[in-house]
Amino acid sequence: PTGHTVPVREVRLAAGAGFVVIICGEIMTMPGLPKAPSSEKIFLNEEGQIEGLF
């Protein structure tokens, strides 16, 4: 097809995977993992009950 314009908003390099990722228009990407895992917030309280789960 001809006569189309693709609005490229951003270009990202995923060097580890070997990809060049093109972000177009209003596309949203999936969020990455947090710096600290959620398991660091799980603990036993004074009564022996688990706290910090989702």
C-alpha atoms as a PDB file:
ATOM      1  CA  PRO A   1       0.000   0.000   0.000  1.00  0.00           C
ATOM      2  CA  THR A   2       1.057   3.573  -0.572  1.00  0.00           C
ATOM      3  CA  GLY A   3      -0.066   6.919   0.798  1.00  0.00           C
ATOM      4  CA  HIS A   4       0.112   5.939   4.488  1.00  0.00           C
ATOM      5  CA  THR A   5       2.088   7.659   7.243  1.00  0.00           C
ATOM      6  CA  VAL A   6       3.168   5.784  10.354  1.00  0.00           C
ATOM      7  CA  PRO A   7       3.703   8.141  13.319  1.00  0.00           C
ATOM      8  CA  VAL A   8       6.918   6.917  15.003  1.00  0.00           C
ATOM      9  CA  ARG A   9       7.010   8.372  18.494  1.00  0.00           C
ATOM     10  CA  GLU A  10      10.076   6.649  19.916  1.00  0.00           C
ATOM     11  CA  VAL A  11      12.833   4.180  19.021  1.00  0.00           C
ATOM     12  CA  ARG A  12      14.270   1.956  21.763  1.00  0.00           C
ATOM     13  CA  LEU A  13      17.188  -0.438  21.680  1.00  0.00           C
ATOM     14  CA  ALA A  14      16.692  -3.766  23.461  1.00  0.00           C
ATOM     15  CA  ALA A  15      20.374  -4.645  23.269  1.00  0.00           C
ATOM     16  CA  GLY A  16      20.167  -7.854  25.302  1.00  0.00           C
ATOM     17  CA  ALA A  17      17.461  -9.261  23.058  1.00  0.00           C
ATOM     18  CA  GLY A  18      18.985  -7.808  19.902  1.00  0.00           C
ATOM     19  CA  PHE A  19      15.842  -5.860  18.952  1.00  0.00           C
ATOM     20  CA  VAL A  20      15.170  -2.331  17.820  1.00  0.00           C
ATOM     21  CA  VAL A  21      11.689  -1.461  19.144  1.00  0.00           C
ATOM     22  CA  ILE A  22       9.648   1.175  17.330  1.00  0.00           C
ATOM     23  CA  ILE A  23       6.898   2.824  19.398  1.00  0.00           C
ATOM     24  CA  CYS A  24       4.141   4.226  17.168  1.00  0.00           C
ATOM     25  CA  GLY A  25       1.240   6.518  17.920  1.00  0.00           C
ATOM     26  CA  GLU A  26      -0.458   5.942  21.278  1.00  0.00           C
ATOM     27  CA  ILE A  27       0.882   2.400  21.845  1.00  0.00           C
ATOM     28  CA  MET A  28       1.776   1.655  25.483  1.00  0.00           C
ATOM     29  CA  THR A  29       4.407  -0.905  26.436  1.00  0.00           C
ATOM     30  CA  MET A  30       4.215  -3.396  29.276  1.00  0.00           C
ATOM     31  CA  PRO A  31       5.876  -2.204  32.462  1.00  0.00           C
ATOM     32  CA  GLY A  32       9.093  -3.872  33.532  1.00  0.00           C
ATOM     33  CA  LEU A  33       9.838  -5.492  36.832  1.00  0.00           C
ATOM     34  CA  PRO A  34      10.386  -3.309  39.898  1.00  0.00           C
ATOM     35  CA  LYS A  35      13.883  -2.756  41.284  1.00  0.00           C
ATOM     36  CA  ALA A  36      12.991  -4.562  44.518  1.00  0.00           C
ATOM     37  CA  PRO A  37      10.956  -7.805  44.451  1.00  0.00           C
ATOM     38  CA  SER A  38       7.606  -7.826  46.262  1.00  0.00           C
ATOM     39  CA  SER A  39       8.824 -10.687  48.457  1.00  0.00           C
ATOM     40  CA  GLU A  40      10.974  -8.201  50.379  1.00  0.00           C
ATOM     41  CA  LYS A  41       7.777  -6.711  51.851  1.00  0.00           C
ATOM     42  CA  ILE A  42       6.395 -10.034  53.165  1.00  0.00           C
ATOM     43  CA  PHE A  43       6.946 -10.759  56.856  1.00  0.00           C
ATOM     44  CA  LEU A  44       5.446 -12.431  59.908  1.00  0.00           C
ATOM     45  CA  ASN A  45       3.891 -10.110  62.466  1.00  0.00           C
ATOM     46  CA  GLU A  46       4.080 -10.594  66.237  1.00  0.00           C
ATOM     47  CA  GLU A  47       1.050 -12.904  66.149  1.00  0.00           C
ATOM     48  CA  GLY A  48       2.637 -15.189  63.562  1.00  0.00           C
ATOM     49  CA  GLN A  49       0.408 -13.985  60.726  1.00  0.00           C
ATOM     50  CA  ILE A  50       1.756 -13.266  57.270  1.00  0.00           C
ATOM     51  CA  GLU A  51       1.642  -9.596  56.219  1.00  0.00           C
ATOM     52  CA  GLY A  52       2.622  -7.849  53.010  1.00  0.00           C
ATOM     53  CA  LEU A  53       0.890 -10.134  50.532  1.00  0.00           C
ATOM     54  CA  PHE A  54      -1.014  -8.551  47.672  1.00  0.00           C
END
